[in-house]
PDB file of N, CA and C in Angstrom:
ATOM      1  N   UNK A   1       0.791  -1.232   0.005  1.00  0.00           N
ATOM      2  CA  UNK A   1      -0.007  -0.004   0.005  1.00  0.00           C
ATOM      3  C   UNK A   1       0.882   1.263  -0.022  1.00  0.00           C
ATOM      4  N   UNK A   2       1.906   1.285   0.791  1.00  0.00           N
ATOM      5  CA  UNK A   2       2.818   2.435   0.828  1.00  0.00           C
ATOM      6  C   UNK A   2       3.437   2.732  -0.527  1.00  0.00           C
ATOM      7  N   UNK A   3       3.846   1.624  -1.179  1.00  0.00           N
ATOM      8  CA  UNK A   3       4.452   1.779  -2.504  1.00  0.00           C
ATOM      9  C   UNK A   3       3.469   2.429  -3.460  1.00  0.00           C
ATOM     10  N   UNK A   4       2.222   2.031  -3.471  1.00  0.00           N
ATOM     11  CA  UNK A   4       1.246   2.598  -4.339  1.00  0.00           C
ATOM     12  C   UNK A   4       1.041   4.082  -4.086  1.00  0.00           C
ATOM     13  N   UNK A   5       1.021   4.465  -2.807  1.00  0.00           N
ATOM     14  CA  UNK A   5       0.868   5.865  -2.471  1.00  0.00           C
ATOM     15  C   UNK A   5       2.069   6.678  -2.954  1.00  0.00           C
ATOM     16  N   UNK A   6       3.275   6.143  -2.748  1.00  0.00           N
ATOM     17  CA  UNK A   6       4.461   6.883  -3.233  1.00  0.00           C
ATOM     18  C   UNK A   6       4.455   7.000  -4.789  1.00  0.00           C
ATOM     19  N   UNK A   7       4.024   5.955  -5.438  1.00  0.00           N
ATOM     20  CA  UNK A   7       3.964   6.016  -6.912  1.00  0.00           C
ATOM     21  C   UNK A   7       2.974   7.055  -7.337  1.00  0.00           C
ATOM     22  N   UNK A   8       1.825   7.150  -6.708  1.00  0.00           N
ATOM     23  CA  UNK A   8       0.832   8.178  -7.025  1.00  0.00           C
ATOM     24  C   UNK A   8       1.359   9.585  -6.750  1.00  0.00           C
ATOM     25  N   UNK A   9       2.051   9.775  -5.614  1.00  0.00           N
ATOM     26  CA  UNK A   9       2.623  11.074  -5.275  1.00  0.00           C
ATOM     27  C   UNK A   9       3.673  11.477  -6.333  1.00  0.00           C
ATOM     28  N   UNK A  10       4.529  10.560  -6.682  1.00  0.00           N
ATOM     29  CA  UNK A  10       5.548  10.841  -7.698  1.00  0.00           C
ATOM     30  C   UNK A  10       4.910  11.171  -9.007  1.00  0.00           C
ATOM     31  N   UNK A  11       3.867  10.431  -9.392  1.00  0.00           N
ATOM     32  CA  UNK A  11       3.182  10.682 -10.653  1.00  0.00           C
ATOM     33  C   UNK A  11       2.565  12.056 -10.674  1.00  0.00           C
ATOM     34  N   UNK A  12       1.903  12.462  -9.580  1.00  0.00           N
ATOM     35  CA  UNK A  12       1.293  13.771  -9.536  1.00  0.00           C
ATOM     36  C   UNK A  12       2.336  14.905  -9.603  1.00  0.00           C
ATOM     37  N   UNK A  13       3.397  14.731  -8.874  1.00  0.00           N
ATOM     38  CA  UNK A  13       4.493  15.732  -8.882  1.00  0.00           C
ATOM     39  C   UNK A  13       5.098  15.834 -10.266  1.00  0.00           C
ATOM     40  N   UNK A  14       5.289  14.674 -10.920  1.00  0.00           N
ATOM     41  CA  UNK A  14       5.891  14.641 -12.268  1.00  0.00           C
ATOM     42  C   UNK A  14       4.931  15.341 -13.250  1.00  0.00           C
ATOM     43  N   UNK A  15       3.651  15.100 -13.129  1.00  0.00           N
ATOM     44  CA  UNK A  15       2.663  15.710 -14.025  1.00  0.00           C
ATOM     45  C   UNK A  15       2.670  17.218 -13.857  1.00  0.00           C
ATOM     46  N   UNK A  16       2.620  17.687 -12.612  1.00  0.00           N
ATOM     47  CA  UNK A  16       2.643  19.126 -12.342  1.00  0.00           C
ATOM     48  C   UNK A  16       3.905  19.799 -12.806  1.00  0.00           C
ATOM     49  N   UNK A  17       5.054  19.140 -12.593  1.00  0.00           N
ATOM     50  CA  UNK A  17       6.331  19.704 -13.054  1.00  0.00           C
ATOM     51  C   UNK A  17       6.337  19.781 -14.595  1.00  0.00           C
ATOM     52  N   UNK A  18       5.856  18.743 -15.230  1.00  0.00           N
ATOM     53  CA  UNK A  18       5.844  18.761 -16.709  1.00  0.00           C
ATOM     54  C   UNK A  18       4.942  19.928 -17.222  1.00  0.00           C
ATOM     55  N   UNK A  19       3.782  20.105 -16.610  1.00  0.00           N
ATOM     56  CA  UNK A  19       2.894  21.153 -17.054  1.00  0.00           C
ATOM     57  C   UNK A  19       3.492  22.547 -16.761  1.00  0.00           C
ATOM     58  N   UNK A  20       4.220  22.619 -15.646  1.00  0.00           N
ATOM     59  CA  UNK A  20       4.779  23.967 -15.306  1.00  0.00           C
ATOM     60  C   UNK A  20       5.922  24.332 -16.230  1.00  0.00           C
ATOM     61  N   UNK A  21       6.800  23.372 -16.548  1.00  0.00           N
ATOM     62  CA  UNK A  21       7.985  23.686 -17.321  1.00  0.00           C
ATOM     63  C   UNK A  21       7.743  23.565 -18.847  1.00  0.00           C
ATOM     64  N   UNK A  22       6.780  22.780 -19.221  1.00  0.00           N
ATOM     65  CA  UNK A  22       6.611  22.525 -20.645  1.00  0.00           C
ATOM     66  C   UNK A  22       5.204  22.862 -21.130  1.00  0.00           C
ATOM     67  N   UNK A  23       4.577  23.844 -20.463  1.00  0.00           N
ATOM     68  CA  UNK A  23       3.243  24.211 -20.837  1.00  0.00           C
ATOM     69  C   UNK A  23       3.256  24.816 -22.251  1.00  0.00           C
ATOM     70  N   UNK A  24       2.232  24.623 -22.938  1.00  0.00           N
ATOM     71  CA  UNK A  24       2.114  25.106 -24.317  1.00  0.00           C
ATOM     72  C   UNK A  24       2.071  26.602 -24.354  1.00  0.00           C
ATOM     73  N   UNK A  25       2.904  27.196 -25.205  1.00  0.00           N
ATOM     74  CA  UNK A  25       2.928  28.612 -25.375  1.00  0.00           C
ATOM     75  C   UNK A  25       1.965  29.021 -26.479  1.00  0.00           C
ATOM     76  N   UNK A  26       1.431  30.198 -26.346  1.00  0.00           N
ATOM     77  CA  UNK A  26       0.592  30.681 -27.403  1.00  0.00           C
ATOM     78  C   UNK A  26       1.394  31.022 -28.639  1.00  0.00           C
ATOM     79  N   UNK A  27       0.723  31.240 -29.755  1.00  0.00           N
ATOM     80  CA  UNK A  27       1.467  31.549 -30.993  1.00  0.00           C
ATOM     81  C   UNK A  27       2.242  32.870 -30.857  1.00  0.00           C
ATOM     82  N   UNK A  28       1.687  33.836 -30.205  1.00  0.00           N
ATOM     83  CA  UNK A  28       2.374  35.129 -30.004  1.00  0.00           C
ATOM     84  C   UNK A  28       3.640  34.930 -29.142  1.00  0.00           C
ATOM     85  N   UNK A  29       3.508  34.137 -28.055  1.00  0.00           N
ATOM     86  CA  UNK A  29       4.637  33.883 -27.211  1.00  0.00           C
ATOM     87  C   UNK A  29       5.719  33.108 -27.969  1.00  0.00           C
ATOM     88  N   UNK A  30       5.337  32.211 -28.811  1.00  0.00           N
ATOM     89  CA  UNK A  30       6.297  31.471 -29.616  1.00  0.00           C
ATOM     90  C   UNK A  30       7.106  32.398 -30.563  1.00  0.00           C
ATOM     91  N   UNK A  31       6.397  33.385 -31.102  1.00  0.00           N
ATOM     92  CA  UNK A  31       7.071  34.344 -31.952  1.00  0.00           C
ATOM     93  C   UNK A  31       8.114  35.185 -31.199  1.00  0.00           C
ATOM     94  N   UNK A  32       7.692  35.621 -30.033  1.00  0.00           N
ATOM     95  CA  UNK A  32       8.645  36.400 -29.146  1.00  0.00           C
ATOM     96  C   UNK A  32       9.836  35.476 -28.778  1.00  0.00           C
ATOM     97  N   UNK A  33       9.543  34.254 -28.404  1.00  0.00           N
ATOM     98  CA  UNK A  33      10.566  33.319 -27.946  1.00  0.00           C
ATOM     99  C   UNK A  33      11.530  33.059 -29.128  1.00  0.00           C
ATOM    100  N   UNK A  34      11.066  32.972 -30.348  1.00  0.00           N
ATOM    101  CA  UNK A  34      11.939  32.774 -31.534  1.00  0.00           C
ATOM    102  C   UNK A  34      12.850  33.959 -31.691  1.00  0.00           C
ATOM    103  N   UNK A  35      12.349  35.156 -31.565  1.00  0.00           N
ATOM    104  CA  UNK A  35      13.182  36.347 -31.647  1.00  0.00           C
ATOM    105  C   UNK A  35      14.221  36.359 -30.526  1.00  0.00           C
ATOM    106  N   UNK A  36      13.801  35.937 -29.351  1.00  0.00           N
ATOM    107  CA  UNK A  36      14.767  35.908 -28.236  1.00  0.00           C
ATOM    108  C   UNK A  36      15.883  34.915 -28.506  1.00  0.00           C
ATOM    109  N   UNK A  37      15.566  33.788 -29.108  1.00  0.00           N
ATOM    110  CA  UNK A  37      16.597  32.799 -29.462  1.00  0.00           C
ATOM    111  C   UNK A  37      17.554  33.407 -30.471  1.00  0.00           C
ATOM    112  N   UNK A  38      17.048  34.080 -31.493  1.00  0.00           N
ATOM    113  CA  UNK A  38      17.879  34.697 -32.456  1.00  0.00           C
ATOM    114  C   UNK A  38      18.778  35.793 -31.881  1.00  0.00           C
ATOM    115  N   UNK A  39      18.195  36.509 -30.939  1.00  0.00           N
ATOM    116  CA  UNK A  39      18.986  37.566 -30.248  1.00  0.00           C
ATOM    117  C   UNK A  39      20.140  36.914 -29.446  1.00  0.00           C
ATOM    118  N   UNK A  40      19.813  35.855 -28.710  1.00  0.00           N
ATOM    119  CA  UNK A  40      20.842  35.171 -27.932  1.00  0.00           C
ATOM    120  C   UNK A  40      21.948  34.578 -28.799  1.00  0.00           C
ATOM    121  N   UNK A  41      21.578  34.042 -29.933  1.00  0.00           N
ATOM    122  CA  UNK A  41      22.579  33.531 -30.876  1.00  0.00           C
ATOM    123  C   UNK A  41      23.469  34.663 -31.394  1.00  0.00           C
ATOM    124  N   UNK A  42      22.874  35.809 -31.723  1.00  0.00           N
ATOM    125  CA  UNK A  42      23.644  36.952 -32.181  1.00  0.00           C
ATOM    126  C   UNK A  42      24.599  37.457 -31.116  1.00  0.00           C
ATOM    127  N   UNK A  43      24.126  37.455 -29.853  1.00  0.00           N
ATOM    128  CA  UNK A  43      24.967  37.861 -28.740  1.00  0.00           C
ATOM    129  C   UNK A  43      26.179  36.947 -28.588  1.00  0.00           C
ATOM    130  N   UNK A  44      25.916  35.654 -28.674  1.00  0.00           N
ATOM    131  CA  UNK A  44      27.035  34.696 -28.598  1.00  0.00           C
ATOM    132  C   UNK A  44      28.028  34.908 -29.722  1.00  0.00           C
ATOM    133  N   UNK A  45      27.528  35.151 -30.912  1.00  0.00           N
ATOM    134  CA  UNK A  45      28.414  35.404 -32.063  1.00  0.00           C
ATOM    135  C   UNK A  45      29.210  36.694 -31.814  1.00  0.00           C
ATOM    136  N   UNK A  46      28.579  37.699 -31.291  1.00  0.00           N
ATOM    137  CA  UNK A  46      29.256  38.971 -30.978  1.00  0.00           C
ATOM    138  C   UNK A  46      30.397  38.751 -29.967  1.00  0.00           C
ATOM    139  N   UNK A  47      30.047  38.039 -28.894  1.00  0.00           N
ATOM    140  CA  UNK A  47      31.101  37.783 -27.835  1.00  0.00           C
ATOM    141  C   UNK A  47      32.266  37.039 -28.409  1.00  0.00           C
ATOM    142  N   UNK A  48      32.015  35.985 -29.209  1.00  0.00           N
ATOM    143  CA  UNK A  48      33.074  35.237 -29.844  1.00  0.00           C
ATOM    144  C   UNK A  48      33.929  36.128 -30.735  1.00  0.00           C
ATOM    145  N   UNK A  49      33.260  37.013 -31.485  1.00  0.00           N
ATOM    146  CA  UNK A  49      33.975  37.874 -32.417  1.00  0.00           C
ATOM    147  C   UNK A  49      34.858  38.863 -31.656  1.00  0.00           C
ATOM    148  N   UNK A  50      34.331  39.415 -30.593  1.00  0.00           N
ATOM    149  CA  UNK A  50      35.114  40.363 -29.782  1.00  0.00           C
ATOM    150  C   UNK A  50      36.334  39.670 -29.178  1.00  0.00           C
ATOM    151  N   UNK A  51      36.133  38.480 -28.656  1.00  0.00           N
ATOM    152  CA  UNK A  51      37.267  37.753 -28.073  1.00  0.00           C
ATOM    153  C   UNK A  51      38.325  37.434 -29.128  1.00  0.00           C
ATOM    154  N   UNK A  52      37.868  37.024 -30.297  1.00  0.00           N
ATOM    155  CA  UNK A  52      38.797  36.696 -31.397  1.00  0.00           C
ATOM    156  C   UNK A  52      39.538  37.913 -31.858  1.00  0.00           C
ATOM    157  N   UNK A  53      38.765  39.034 -31.956  1.00  0.00           N
ATOM    158  CA  UNK A  53      39.396  40.297 -32.373  1.00  0.00           C
ATOM    159  C   UNK A  53      40.470  40.741 -31.412  1.00  0.00           C
ATOM    160  N   UNK A  54      40.271  40.557 -30.168  1.00  0.00           N
ATOM    161  CA  UNK A  54      41.261  40.932 -29.138  1.00  0.00           C
ATOM    162  C   UNK A  54      42.496  39.999 -29.274  1.00  0.00           C
ATOM    163  N   UNK A  55      42.286  38.768 -29.663  1.00  0.00           N
ATOM    164  CA  UNK A  55      43.398  37.832 -29.738  1.00  0.00           C
ATOM    165  C   UNK A  55      44.232  38.050 -31.023  1.00  0.00           C
ATOM    166  N   UNK A  56      43.561  38.307 -32.133  1.00  0.00           N
ATOM    167  CA  UNK A  56      44.310  38.395 -33.394  1.00  0.00           C
ATOM    168  C   UNK A  56      44.250  39.802 -34.023  1.00  0.00           C
ATOM    169  N   UNK A  57      44.040  40.780 -33.258  1.00  0.00           N
ATOM    170  CA  UNK A  57      44.180  42.209 -33.644  1.00  0.00           C
ATOM    171  C   UNK A  57      43.350  42.534 -34.866  1.00  0.00           C
ATOM    172  N   UNK A  58      42.040  42.664 -34.674  1.00  0.00           N
ATOM    173  CA  UNK A  58      41.136  43.225 -35.658  1.00  0.00           C
ATOM    174  C   UNK A  58      40.949  42.388 -36.955  1.00  0.00           C
ATOM    175  N   UNK A  59      41.232  41.170 -36.887  1.00  0.00           N
ATOM    176  CA  UNK A  59      41.054  40.316 -38.114  1.00  0.00           C
ATOM    177  C   UNK A  59      39.628  39.900 -38.316  1.00  0.00           C
ATOM    178  N   UNK A  60      38.790  40.017 -37.310  1.00  0.00           N
ATOM    179  CA  UNK A  60      37.398  39.531 -37.487  1.00  0.00           C
ATOM    180  C   UNK A  60      36.379  40.658 -37.130  1.00  0.00           C
ATOM    181  N   UNK A  61      36.658  41.834 -37.518  1.00  0.00           N
ATOM    182  CA  UNK A  61      35.711  42.926 -37.257  1.00  0.00           C
ATOM    183  C   UNK A  61      34.406  42.677 -37.973  1.00  0.00           C
ATOM    184  N   UNK A  62      34.475  42.086 -39.175  1.00  0.00           N
ATOM    185  CA  UNK A  62      33.211  41.826 -39.897  1.00  0.00           C
ATOM    186  C   UNK A  62      32.310  40.862 -39.146  1.00  0.00           C
ATOM    187  N   UNK A  63      32.880  39.934 -38.383  1.00  0.00           N
ATOM    188  CA  UNK A  63      32.069  39.017 -37.593  1.00  0.00           C
ATOM    189  C   UNK A  63      31.246  39.765 -36.543  1.00  0.00           C
ATOM    190  N   UNK A  64      31.857  40.684 -35.871  1.00  0.00           N
ATOM    191  CA  UNK A  64      31.093  41.455 -34.873  1.00  0.00           C
ATOM    192  C   UNK A  64      30.088  42.356 -35.532  1.00  0.00           C
ATOM    193  N   UNK A  65      30.422  42.919 -36.691  1.00  0.00           N
ATOM    194  CA  UNK A  65      29.455  43.722 -37.462  1.00  0.00           C
ATOM    195  C   UNK A  65      28.244  42.891 -37.862  1.00  0.00           C
ATOM    196  N   UNK A  66      28.497  41.683 -38.276  1.00  0.00           N
ATOM    197  CA  UNK A  66      27.409  40.732 -38.699  1.00  0.00           C
ATOM    198  C   UNK A  66      26.525  40.432 -37.462  1.00  0.00           C
ATOM    199  N   UNK A  67      27.100  40.255 -36.312  1.00  0.00           N
ATOM    200  CA  UNK A  67      26.306  39.990 -35.122  1.00  0.00           C
ATOM    201  C   UNK A  67      25.457  41.203 -34.757  1.00  0.00           C
ATOM    202  N   UNK A  68      26.026  42.419 -34.838  1.00  0.00           N
ATOM    203  CA  UNK A  68      25.277  43.616 -34.543  1.00  0.00           C
ATOM    204  C   UNK A  68      24.141  43.768 -35.531  1.00  0.00           C
ATOM    205  N   UNK A  69      24.369  43.465 -36.784  1.00  0.00           N
ATOM    206  CA  UNK A  69      23.347  43.505 -37.816  1.00  0.00           C
ATOM    207  C   UNK A  69      22.216  42.592 -37.497  1.00  0.00           C
ATOM    208  N   UNK A  70      22.516  41.425 -37.007  1.00  0.00           N
ATOM    209  CA  UNK A  70      21.492  40.457 -36.596  1.00  0.00           C
ATOM    210  C   UNK A  70      20.679  40.955 -35.449  1.00  0.00           C
ATOM    211  N   UNK A  71      21.348  41.594 -34.470  1.00  0.00           N
ATOM    212  CA  UNK A  71      20.594  42.175 -33.325  1.00  0.00           C
ATOM    213  C   UNK A  71      19.706  43.297 -33.810  1.00  0.00           C
ATOM    214  N   UNK A  72      20.176  44.068 -34.732  1.00  0.00           N
ATOM    215  CA  UNK A  72      19.315  45.216 -35.286  1.00  0.00           C
ATOM    216  C   UNK A  72      18.108  44.609 -36.032  1.00  0.00           C
ATOM    217  N   UNK A  73      18.308  43.500 -36.726  1.00  0.00           N
ATOM    218  CA  UNK A  73      17.181  42.842 -37.373  1.00  0.00           C
ATOM    219  C   UNK A  73      16.139  42.347 -36.410  1.00  0.00           C
ATOM    220  N   UNK A  74      16.676  41.724 -35.325  1.00  0.00           N
ATOM    221  CA  UNK A  74      15.763  41.275 -34.276  1.00  0.00           C
ATOM    222  C   UNK A  74      15.004  42.400 -33.700  1.00  0.00           C
ATOM    223  N   UNK A  75      15.704  43.519 -33.438  1.00  0.00           N
ATOM    224  CA  UNK A  75      15.059  44.685 -32.880  1.00  0.00           C
ATOM    225  C   UNK A  75      13.992  45.241 -33.762  1.00  0.00           C
ATOM    226  N   UNK A  76      14.230  45.329 -35.032  1.00  0.00           N
ATOM    227  CA  UNK A  76      13.239  45.817 -36.001  1.00  0.00           C
ATOM    228  C   UNK A  76      12.024  44.889 -36.065  1.00  0.00           C
ATOM    229  N   UNK A  77      12.322  43.563 -36.127  1.00  0.00           N
ATOM    230  CA  UNK A  77      11.226  42.599 -36.185  1.00  0.00           C
ATOM    231  C   UNK A  77      10.381  42.655 -34.890  1.00  0.00           C
ATOM    232  N   UNK A  78      11.043  42.840 -33.740  1.00  0.00           N
ATOM    233  CA  UNK A  78      10.365  42.938 -32.465  1.00  0.00           C
ATOM    234  C   UNK A  78       9.447  44.163 -32.445  1.00  0.00           C
ATOM    235  N   UNK A  79       9.909  45.257 -32.955  1.00  0.00           N
ATOM    236  CA  UNK A  79       9.055  46.479 -33.051  1.00  0.00           C
ATOM    237  C   UNK A  79       7.824  46.233 -33.862  1.00  0.00           C
ATOM    238  N   UNK A  80       7.993  45.525 -34.990  1.00  0.00           N
ATOM    239  CA  UNK A  80       6.802  45.221 -35.807  1.00  0.00           C
ATOM    240  C   UNK A  80       5.886  44.228 -35.125  1.00  0.00           C
ATOM    241  N   UNK A  81       6.465  43.237 -34.471  1.00  0.00           N
ATOM    242  CA  UNK A  81       5.674  42.236 -33.781  1.00  0.00           C
ATOM    243  C   UNK A  81       4.881  42.850 -32.615  1.00  0.00           C
ATOM    244  N   UNK A  82       5.484  43.759 -31.884  1.00  0.00           N
ATOM    245  CA  UNK A  82       4.844  44.384 -30.751  1.00  0.00           C
ATOM    246  C   UNK A  82       3.534  45.086 -31.197  1.00  0.00           C
ATOM    247  N   UNK A  83       3.534  45.599 -32.393  1.00  0.00           N
ATOM    248  CA  UNK A  83       2.329  46.339 -32.888  1.00  0.00           C
ATOM    249  C   UNK A  83       1.191  45.372 -33.027  1.00  0.00           C
ATOM    250  N   UNK A  84       1.468  44.075 -33.283  1.00  0.00           N
ATOM    251  CA  UNK A  84       0.401  43.068 -33.540  1.00  0.00           C
ATOM    252  C   UNK A  84       0.045  42.273 -32.317  1.00  0.00           C
ATOM    253  N   UNK A  85       0.818  42.344 -31.233  1.00  0.00           N
ATOM    254  CA  UNK A  85       0.603  41.467 -30.067  1.00  0.00           C
ATOM    255  C   UNK A  85      -0.685  41.953 -29.329  1.00  0.00           C
ATOM    256  N   UNK A  86      -1.402  40.964 -28.935  1.00  0.00           N
ATOM    257  CA  UNK A  86      -2.659  41.216 -28.191  1.00  0.00           C
ATOM    258  C   UNK A  86      -2.640  40.599 -26.812  1.00  0.00           C
ATOM    259  N   UNK A  87      -1.850  39.540 -26.630  1.00  0.00           N
ATOM    260  CA  UNK A  87      -1.816  38.846 -25.339  1.00  0.00           C
ATOM    261  C   UNK A  87      -0.865  39.553 -24.371  1.00  0.00           C
ATOM    262  N   UNK A  88      -1.280  39.682 -23.163  1.00  0.00           N
ATOM    263  CA  UNK A  88      -0.500  40.366 -22.135  1.00  0.00           C
ATOM    264  C   UNK A  88       0.815  39.658 -21.875  1.00  0.00           C
ATOM    265  N   UNK A  89       0.822  38.319 -21.795  1.00  0.00           N
ATOM    266  CA  UNK A  89       2.023  37.583 -21.522  1.00  0.00           C
ATOM    267  C   UNK A  89       3.072  37.801 -22.653  1.00  0.00           C
ATOM    268  N   UNK A  90       2.594  37.698 -23.881  1.00  0.00           N
ATOM    269  CA  UNK A  90       3.479  37.903 -25.020  1.00  0.00           C
ATOM    270  C   UNK A  90       4.048  39.320 -25.052  1.00  0.00           C
ATOM    271  N   UNK A  91       3.221  40.284 -24.733  1.00  0.00           N
ATOM    272  CA  UNK A  91       3.656  41.682 -24.712  1.00  0.00           C
ATOM    273  C   UNK A  91       4.669  41.907 -23.614  1.00  0.00           C
ATOM    274  N   UNK A  92       4.453  41.270 -22.462  1.00  0.00           N
ATOM    275  CA  UNK A  92       5.441  41.393 -21.360  1.00  0.00           C
ATOM    276  C   UNK A  92       6.782  40.813 -21.761  1.00  0.00           C
ATOM    277  N   UNK A  93       6.751  39.631 -22.378  1.00  0.00           N
ATOM    278  CA  UNK A  93       8.012  38.994 -22.839  1.00  0.00           C
ATOM    279  C   UNK A  93       8.692  39.883 -23.908  1.00  0.00           C
ATOM    280  N   UNK A  94       7.913  40.458 -24.777  1.00  0.00           N
ATOM    281  CA  UNK A  94       8.476  41.325 -25.819  1.00  0.00           C
ATOM    282  C   UNK A  94       9.145  42.548 -25.189  1.00  0.00           C
ATOM    283  N   UNK A  95       8.570  43.106 -24.192  1.00  0.00           N
ATOM    284  CA  UNK A  95       9.124  44.276 -23.477  1.00  0.00           C
ATOM    285  C   UNK A  95      10.428  43.905 -22.777  1.00  0.00           C
ATOM    286  N   UNK A  96      10.497  42.702 -22.209  1.00  0.00           N
ATOM    287  CA  UNK A  96      11.724  42.242 -21.592  1.00  0.00           C
ATOM    288  C   UNK A  96      12.823  42.039 -22.608  1.00  0.00           C
ATOM    289  N   UNK A  97      12.462  41.474 -23.750  1.00  0.00           N
ATOM    290  CA  UNK A  97      13.449  41.304 -24.803  1.00  0.00           C
ATOM    291  C   UNK A  97      13.946  42.652 -25.299  1.00  0.00           C
ATOM    292  N   UNK A  98      13.032  43.597 -25.442  1.00  0.00           N
ATOM    293  CA  UNK A  98      13.350  44.929 -25.880  1.00  0.00           C
ATOM    294  C   UNK A  98      14.363  45.591 -24.914  1.00  0.00           C
ATOM    295  N   UNK A  99      14.154  45.340 -23.637  1.00  0.00           N
ATOM    296  CA  UNK A  99      15.088  45.886 -22.609  1.00  0.00           C
ATOM    297  C   UNK A  99      16.449  45.210 -22.706  1.00  0.00           C
ATOM    298  N   UNK A 100      16.484  43.913 -22.990  1.00  0.00           N
ATOM    299  CA  UNK A 100      17.793  43.224 -23.159  1.00  0.00           C
ATOM    300  C   UNK A 100      18.552  43.831 -24.376  1.00  0.00           C
ATOM    301  N   UNK A 101      17.797  44.090 -25.418  1.00  0.00           N
ATOM    302  CA  UNK A 101      18.427  44.688 -26.593  1.00  0.00           C
ATOM    303  C   UNK A 101      19.010  46.042 -26.314  1.00  0.00           C
ATOM    304  N   UNK A 102      18.227  46.892 -25.609  1.00  0.00           N
ATOM    305  CA  UNK A 102      18.722  48.219 -25.193  1.00  0.00           C
ATOM    306  C   UNK A 102      19.967  48.103 -24.323  1.00  0.00           C
ATOM    307  N   UNK A 103      19.963  47.153 -23.415  1.00  0.00           N
ATOM    308  CA  UNK A 103      21.139  46.944 -22.532  1.00  0.00           C
ATOM    309  C   UNK A 103      22.359  46.501 -23.366  1.00  0.00           C
ATOM    310  N   UNK A 104      22.167  45.662 -24.386  1.00  0.00           N
ATOM    311  CA  UNK A 104      23.247  45.271 -25.292  1.00  0.00           C
ATOM    312  C   UNK A 104      23.804  46.452 -25.973  1.00  0.00           C
ATOM    313  N   UNK A 105      22.957  47.314 -26.533  1.00  0.00           N
ATOM    314  CA  UNK A 105      23.444  48.534 -27.198  1.00  0.00           C
ATOM    315  C   UNK A 105      24.212  49.426 -26.233  1.00  0.00           C
ATOM    316  N   UNK A 106      23.667  49.585 -25.068  1.00  0.00           N
ATOM    317  CA  UNK A 106      24.325  50.473 -24.075  1.00  0.00           C
ATOM    318  C   UNK A 106      25.683  49.932 -23.635  1.00  0.00           C
ATOM    319  N   UNK A 107      25.740  48.666 -23.294  1.00  0.00           N
ATOM    320  CA  UNK A 107      26.993  48.060 -22.828  1.00  0.00           C
ATOM    321  C   UNK A 107      28.118  48.079 -23.886  1.00  0.00           C
ATOM    322  N   UNK A 108      27.742  47.910 -25.157  1.00  0.00           N
ATOM    323  CA  UNK A 108      28.687  47.836 -26.218  1.00  0.00           C
ATOM    324  C   UNK A 108      28.814  49.148 -27.003  1.00  0.00           C
ATOM    325  N   UNK A 109      28.182  50.185 -26.477  1.00  0.00           N
ATOM    326  CA  UNK A 109      28.280  51.510 -27.081  1.00  0.00           C
ATOM    327  C   UNK A 109      27.947  51.484 -28.548  1.00  0.00           C
ATOM    328  N   UNK A 110      26.844  50.857 -28.887  1.00  0.00           N
ATOM    329  CA  UNK A 110      26.374  50.737 -30.282  1.00  0.00           C
ATOM    330  C   UNK A 110      25.302  51.792 -30.480  1.00  0.00           C
ATOM    331  N   UNK A 111      25.486  52.592 -31.538  1.00  0.00           N
ATOM    332  CA  UNK A 111      24.534  53.647 -31.855  1.00  0.00           C
ATOM    333  C   UNK A 111      23.558  53.062 -32.877  1.00  0.00           C
ATOM    334  N   UNK A 112      22.278  53.285 -32.566  1.00  0.00           N
ATOM    335  CA  UNK A 112      21.248  52.745 -33.467  1.00  0.00           C
ATOM    336  C   UNK A 112      20.957  53.652 -34.611  1.00  0.00           C
TER     337      UNK A 112
END
C-alpha cells in the first residue's frame, strides 16, 4: 500500500512539473521566444567575435558587425511584432526582450 501511495505522489508531482515547465505557449509567445533565441545567438556570435578580435588584432571585425546587424534585425522585427501582439504575456516578454536589446546597445556603445 505504501508503495502505491508513493507512486501516485511521484506521478502527480511529475505531471505538475511537466505542465509547469513545458506548458504550451501561445502563438504570439512562440514568436517572441523565436526572436529571443535569435537575439541570444547573435549575442554569442558577438562575444566570440570580440574575443577573437582581441586575440588576433582586428582580423574579425566583420564578424562582430554581422552579429550587430542580426541584433538590429531582431530589434526591427520585435518592433513590428509588438504592434500586432494582443496577449498580455506575449507583450510582457516582448518588453523584456526589448530591454535586453537596449542593454546590449548600451554596454557595447552601439549607436542605433
